[in-house]
């Protein structure tokens, strides 16, 4: 299996910054992509950003120019640098990876437990 451990969440004032980290471990053969989702209280989970194995990145429109996703492939780790944070960025942030593990013929999606980000006004 694949285990994802997120860290870096916290409470910040509007305009502040946070850097989230997510480290993947387990019987991993290959990670195709890693990304971030978030879920605000009373809202559905939404996609935030993705980093693919070829280095391509994609972002939700509302975070473009403020958030940056990056990867350290040697450490199987993905990061989300969040700047100019707004109250509407508040939510539980989840790391996700698409990975092929030993003994499997296909890749599956794996999710972390989430790290809380709270932005005060």
Protein backbone atom coordinates (compact mmCIF):
# COMPACT_ATOMS: atom_id res chain seq x y z
CA UNK A 1 0.00 0.00 0.00
CA UNK A 2 0.88 3.69 -0.09
CA UNK A 3 0.83 5.90 2.99
CA UNK A 4 0.65 9.68 2.65
CA UNK A 5 1.56 11.97 5.54
CA UNK A 6 0.70 15.66 5.27
CA UNK A 7 2.12 18.47 7.37
CA UNK A 8 2.45 22.25 7.43
CA UNK A 9 -1.10 23.37 8.09
CA UNK A 10 -1.96 25.97 10.68
CA UNK A 11 -3.67 29.24 11.53
CA UNK A 12 -2.57 32.38 9.68
CA UNK A 13 -3.87 35.87 9.06
CA UNK A 14 -5.10 36.96 5.65
CA UNK A 15 -2.14 37.79 3.44
CA UNK A 16 0.10 35.29 5.17
CA UNK A 17 1.81 32.18 3.84
CA UNK A 18 2.00 28.46 4.56
CA UNK A 19 3.93 25.61 3.00
CA UNK A 20 2.29 22.19 2.98
CA UNK A 21 4.26 18.97 2.58
CA UNK A 22 3.18 15.44 1.74
CA UNK A 23 5.51 12.44 1.84
CA UNK A 24 4.55 9.13 0.24
CA UNK A 25 5.89 5.80 1.44
CA UNK A 26 5.24 2.12 0.84
CA UNK A 27 5.84 -0.48 -1.86
CA UNK A 28 5.86 2.11 -4.61
CA UNK A 29 6.99 1.22 -8.11
CA UNK A 30 6.09 4.52 -9.72
CA UNK A 31 4.19 7.70 -8.88
CA UNK A 32 2.43 9.14 -11.92
CA UNK A 33 1.15 12.33 -10.35
CA UNK A 34 0.66 14.06 -7.01
CA UNK A 35 -1.69 16.84 -6.09
CA UNK A 36 -3.79 18.65 -3.55
CA UNK A 37 -7.50 18.94 -2.83
CA UNK A 38 -9.27 20.91 -0.13
CA UNK A 39 -12.62 20.85 1.62
CA UNK A 40 -14.15 23.80 3.45
CA UNK A 41 -16.77 23.27 6.18
CA UNK A 42 -20.13 22.53 4.59
CA UNK A 43 -18.62 22.40 1.11
CA UNK A 44 -17.66 19.63 -1.29
CA UNK A 45 -14.06 18.65 -1.79
CA UNK A 46 -12.43 20.58 -4.63
CA UNK A 47 -9.28 20.15 -6.65
CA UNK A 48 -6.52 22.70 -6.02
CA UNK A 49 -3.34 21.72 -7.91
CA UNK A 50 -1.57 18.81 -9.61
CA UNK A 51 2.02 17.97 -10.51
CA UNK A 52 2.61 15.22 -13.08
CA UNK A 53 5.65 13.00 -13.53
CA UNK A 54 6.89 15.04 -16.49
CA UNK A 55 6.93 18.21 -14.40
CA UNK A 56 3.74 19.77 -15.71
CA UNK A 57 1.57 21.65 -13.23
CA UNK A 58 -2.03 22.79 -13.16
CA UNK A 59 -3.99 24.99 -10.76
CA UNK A 60 -7.50 25.90 -9.81
CA UNK A 61 -8.21 29.35 -11.26
CA UNK A 62 -8.75 31.00 -7.88
CA UNK A 63 -5.26 30.07 -6.62
CA UNK A 64 -3.24 30.86 -9.74
CA UNK A 65 -0.47 33.32 -9.00
CA UNK A 66 -0.69 32.65 -5.26
CA UNK A 67 -0.04 28.90 -4.89
CA UNK A 68 2.88 26.89 -6.25
CA UNK A 69 3.03 23.09 -6.36
CA UNK A 70 6.40 21.34 -6.55
CA UNK A 71 7.84 17.84 -6.18
CA UNK A 72 10.98 16.18 -4.92
CA UNK A 73 10.89 12.88 -6.80
CA UNK A 74 13.82 11.40 -4.90
CA UNK A 75 11.86 11.80 -1.66
CA UNK A 76 8.40 11.02 -3.09
CA UNK A 77 7.27 14.32 -1.65
CA UNK A 78 4.98 17.04 -2.96
CA UNK A 79 4.72 20.59 -1.63
CA UNK A 80 2.19 23.38 -1.85
CA UNK A 81 3.51 26.87 -1.22
CA UNK A 82 0.56 29.12 -0.43
CA UNK A 83 1.04 32.88 -0.46
CA UNK A 84 -1.36 35.81 -0.11
CA UNK A 85 -3.80 33.58 1.71
CA UNK A 86 -7.45 34.56 1.87
CA UNK A 87 -10.19 33.49 4.30
CA UNK A 88 -11.81 31.53 1.47
CA UNK A 89 -8.69 29.34 1.34
CA UNK A 90 -9.66 27.89 4.72
CA UNK A 91 -10.24 24.15 4.68
CA UNK A 92 -8.87 20.69 5.19
CA UNK A 93 -6.16 20.10 2.59
CA UNK A 94 -5.67 16.57 1.28
CA UNK A 95 -2.70 15.15 -0.56
CA UNK A 96 -3.37 12.59 -3.29
CA UNK A 97 -1.08 10.50 -5.45
CA UNK A 98 -1.56 8.19 -8.40
CA UNK A 99 0.87 5.34 -7.88
CA UNK A 100 1.67 1.83 -9.05
CA UNK A 101 2.73 -0.51 -6.24
CA UNK A 102 4.61 -3.81 -6.23
CA UNK A 103 2.33 -6.66 -7.27
CA UNK A 104 -0.18 -4.47 -9.07
CA UNK A 105 -0.55 -4.15 -12.81
CA UNK A 106 -2.15 -0.73 -12.63
CA UNK A 107 -1.95 2.56 -10.78
CA UNK A 108 -4.39 3.57 -8.07
CA UNK A 109 -5.18 6.80 -6.24
CA UNK A 110 -4.14 7.16 -2.61
CA UNK A 111 -5.22 9.87 -0.15
CA UNK A 112 -3.77 11.39 2.98
CA UNK A 113 -5.77 12.21 6.10
CA UNK A 114 -5.57 15.95 5.57
CA UNK A 115 -4.00 18.96 7.25
CA UNK A 116 -6.06 21.92 8.44
CA UNK A 117 -5.49 25.40 7.02
CA UNK A 118 -7.32 28.28 8.68
CA UNK A 119 -7.03 31.85 7.41
CA UNK A 120 -8.42 34.58 9.64
CA UNK A 121 -9.57 38.01 8.48
